[in-house]
Amino acid sequence: MTQKKYKLIPEAGYAIIRPIASEDFNKTKLATLKDERERISTGEVIAISKFAGSYENFGFQYSTEVKVGDTVVYIQYSDYPIKLNNEDLHIVRWDKITATIKEVV
């Protein structure tokens, strides 16, 4: 019997992120600060909402240039963890993605 596969499609204002373990991330010679008040995490964006360009929250307009495949830094306490197709994923609001990590050559 074949096991079904599912796809997670985020709603407006959200992204689906595959967390990167800190050990794997630090192999790239990048470092993250650990703060007891806020847990900052890194991950790869695997899906974005149809309205990824902007969304409104409490009267403020947010925009982003994050795209699928980007490595991002986000505030981890704000995510919604989910396990789908035997994979750990996080559903994260756009305003909790704090930076995109790009390699400079």
C-alpha atoms as a PDB file:
ATOM      1  CA  MET A   1       0.000   0.000   0.000  1.00  0.00           C
ATOM      2  CA  THR A   2       1.381   3.399  -1.011  1.00  0.00           C
ATOM      3  CA  GLN A   3       1.566   6.072   1.674  1.00  0.00           C
ATOM      4  CA  LYS A   4      -0.068   9.352   0.673  1.00  0.00           C
ATOM      5  CA  LYS A   5       2.051  12.518   0.442  1.00  0.00           C
ATOM      6  CA  TYR A   6       0.668  15.895   1.402  1.00  0.00           C
ATOM      7  CA  LYS A   7       1.598  19.470   0.493  1.00  0.00           C
ATOM      8  CA  LEU A   8       1.289  22.327   2.976  1.00  0.00           C
ATOM      9  CA  ILE A   9       0.077  25.609   1.429  1.00  0.00           C
ATOM     10  CA  PRO A  10       0.388  28.640   3.711  1.00  0.00           C
ATOM     11  CA  GLU A  11      -2.307  31.297   3.951  1.00  0.00           C
ATOM     12  CA  ALA A  12      -1.649  35.027   3.465  1.00  0.00           C
ATOM     13  CA  GLY A  13       1.006  36.349   5.817  1.00  0.00           C
ATOM     14  CA  TYR A  14       2.681  32.975   6.454  1.00  0.00           C
ATOM     15  CA  ALA A  15       5.624  30.919   5.179  1.00  0.00           C
ATOM     16  CA  ILE A  16       6.532  27.261   5.628  1.00  0.00           C
ATOM     17  CA  ILE A  17      10.106  26.820   6.865  1.00  0.00           C
ATOM     18  CA  ARG A  18      12.217  23.679   7.199  1.00  0.00           C
ATOM     19  CA  PRO A  19      14.350  24.311  10.313  1.00  0.00           C
ATOM     20  CA  ILE A  20      18.111  23.976   9.976  1.00  0.00           C
ATOM     21  CA  ALA A  21      19.765  22.355  12.985  1.00  0.00           C
ATOM     22  CA  SER A  22      22.216  24.739  14.640  1.00  0.00           C
ATOM     23  CA  GLU A  23      25.036  22.185  14.233  1.00  0.00           C
ATOM     24  CA  ASP A  24      24.416  22.020  10.463  1.00  0.00           C
ATOM     25  CA  PHE A  25      24.021  25.778  10.163  1.00  0.00           C
ATOM     26  CA  ASN A  26      27.241  26.519  12.023  1.00  0.00           C
ATOM     27  CA  LYS A  27      29.223  24.336   9.586  1.00  0.00           C
ATOM     28  CA  THR A  28      28.915  27.306   7.225  1.00  0.00           C
ATOM     29  CA  LYS A  29      31.004  29.356   9.696  1.00  0.00           C
ATOM     30  CA  LEU A  30      28.016  31.538  10.592  1.00  0.00           C
ATOM     31  CA  ALA A  31      27.064  32.067  14.188  1.00  0.00           C
ATOM     32  CA  THR A  32      23.806  32.899  15.901  1.00  0.00           C
ATOM     33  CA  LEU A  33      23.430  34.480  19.320  1.00  0.00           C
ATOM     34  CA  LYS A  34      21.474  32.651  21.960  1.00  0.00           C
ATOM     35  CA  ASP A  35      19.246  34.795  24.113  1.00  0.00           C
ATOM     36  CA  GLU A  36      17.136  33.419  26.930  1.00  0.00           C
ATOM     37  CA  ARG A  37      14.285  35.830  26.117  1.00  0.00           C
ATOM     38  CA  GLU A  38      13.958  35.063  22.401  1.00  0.00           C
ATOM     39  CA  ARG A  39      14.996  31.954  20.543  1.00  0.00           C
ATOM     40  CA  ILE A  40      16.299  32.855  17.116  1.00  0.00           C
ATOM     41  CA  SER A  41      16.370  30.058  14.594  1.00  0.00           C
ATOM     42  CA  THR A  42      17.360  29.514  10.972  1.00  0.00           C
ATOM     43  CA  GLY A  43      15.623  27.575   8.250  1.00  0.00           C
ATOM     44  CA  GLU A  44      14.981  27.134   4.550  1.00  0.00           C
ATOM     45  CA  VAL A  45      11.784  28.561   3.079  1.00  0.00           C
ATOM     46  CA  ILE A  46       9.947  25.738   1.288  1.00  0.00           C
ATOM     47  CA  ALA A  47       6.589  27.444   0.616  1.00  0.00           C
ATOM     48  CA  ILE A  48       5.206  30.959   0.684  1.00  0.00           C
ATOM     49  CA  SER A  49       1.664  32.263   0.644  1.00  0.00           C
ATOM     50  CA  LYS A  50       0.063  33.394  -2.582  1.00  0.00           C
ATOM     51  CA  PHE A  51       0.115  36.933  -1.187  1.00  0.00           C
ATOM     52  CA  ALA A  52       3.787  36.832  -0.221  1.00  0.00           C
ATOM     53  CA  GLY A  53       4.525  40.342  -1.419  1.00  0.00           C
ATOM     54  CA  SER A  54       2.626  42.050   1.378  1.00  0.00           C
ATOM     55  CA  TYR A  55      -0.036  41.695   4.006  1.00  0.00           C
ATOM     56  CA  GLU A  56      -1.708  43.989   6.461  1.00  0.00           C
ATOM     57  CA  ASN A  57      -1.635  43.507  10.210  1.00  0.00           C
ATOM     58  CA  PHE A  58      -3.197  45.997  12.642  1.00  0.00           C
ATOM     59  CA  GLY A  59      -3.186  48.694   9.968  1.00  0.00           C
ATOM     60  CA  PHE A  60       0.489  48.263   8.997  1.00  0.00           C
ATOM     61  CA  GLN A  61       1.513  47.065   5.541  1.00  0.00           C
ATOM     62  CA  TYR A  62       4.394  44.561   5.487  1.00  0.00           C
ATOM     63  CA  SER A  63       6.326  43.527   2.423  1.00  0.00           C
ATOM     64  CA  THR A  64       9.033  40.933   1.863  1.00  0.00           C
ATOM     65  CA  GLU A  65      11.444  39.730  -0.746  1.00  0.00           C
ATOM     66  CA  VAL A  66      11.796  36.269   0.770  1.00  0.00           C
ATOM     67  CA  LYS A  67      11.390  33.461  -1.762  1.00  0.00           C
ATOM     68  CA  VAL A  68      11.319  29.681  -1.772  1.00  0.00           C
ATOM     69  CA  GLY A  69      14.831  28.328  -1.242  1.00  0.00           C
ATOM     70  CA  ASP A  70      16.067  31.283   0.840  1.00  0.00           C
ATOM     71  CA  THR A  71      17.740  30.685   4.191  1.00  0.00           C
ATOM     72  CA  VAL A  72      16.126  32.929   6.778  1.00  0.00           C
ATOM     73  CA  VAL A  73      16.432  33.887  10.427  1.00  0.00           C
ATOM     74  CA  TYR A  74      13.160  33.902  12.369  1.00  0.00           C
ATOM     75  CA  ILE A  75      11.913  34.193  15.915  1.00  0.00           C
ATOM     76  CA  GLN A  76      11.292  30.588  16.814  1.00  0.00           C
ATOM     77  CA  TYR A  77       8.869  31.029  19.708  1.00  0.00           C
ATOM     78  CA  SER A  78       6.356  32.460  17.256  1.00  0.00           C
ATOM     79  CA  ASP A  79       6.234  29.475  14.930  1.00  0.00           C
ATOM     80  CA  TYR A  80       3.709  26.674  14.694  1.00  0.00           C
ATOM     81  CA  PRO A  81       5.554  23.357  14.470  1.00  0.00           C
ATOM     82  CA  ILE A  82       3.989  20.619  12.362  1.00  0.00           C
ATOM     83  CA  LYS A  83       5.077  17.193  11.190  1.00  0.00           C
ATOM     84  CA  LEU A  84       4.081  16.422   7.594  1.00  0.00           C
ATOM     85  CA  ASN A  85       5.271  13.495   5.464  1.00  0.00           C
ATOM     86  CA  ASN A  86       7.648  12.542   8.309  1.00  0.00           C
ATOM     87  CA  GLU A  87       9.326  15.968   8.132  1.00  0.00           C
ATOM     88  CA  ASP A  88       9.451  18.658  10.815  1.00  0.00           C
ATOM     89  CA  LEU A  89       8.230  21.994   9.469  1.00  0.00           C
ATOM     90  CA  HIS A  90       7.407  25.378  10.966  1.00  0.00           C
ATOM     91  CA  ILE A  91       4.594  27.715   9.922  1.00  0.00           C
ATOM     92  CA  VAL A  92       5.920  31.237  10.508  1.00  0.00           C
ATOM     93  CA  ARG A  93       4.290  34.660  10.166  1.00  0.00           C
ATOM     94  CA  TRP A  94       6.051  37.095   7.816  1.00  0.00           C
ATOM     95  CA  ASP A  95       6.600  39.656  10.577  1.00  0.00           C
ATOM     96  CA  LYS A  96       8.577  37.050  12.560  1.00  0.00           C
ATOM     97  CA  ILE A  97      11.088  36.481   9.736  1.00  0.00           C
ATOM     98  CA  THR A  98      13.859  38.872  10.702  1.00  0.00           C
ATOM     99  CA  ALA A  99      16.509  38.410   7.981  1.00  0.00           C
ATOM    100  CA  THR A 100      17.567  36.533   4.868  1.00  0.00           C
ATOM    101  CA  ILE A 101      21.059  35.030   4.798  1.00  0.00           C
ATOM    102  CA  LYS A 102      22.878  35.480   1.484  1.00  0.00           C
ATOM    103  CA  GLU A 103      26.375  34.338   0.536  1.00  0.00           C
ATOM    104  CA  VAL A 104      28.662  37.166  -0.571  1.00  0.00           C
ATOM    105  CA  VAL A 105      31.271  36.362  -3.195  1.00  0.00           C
END
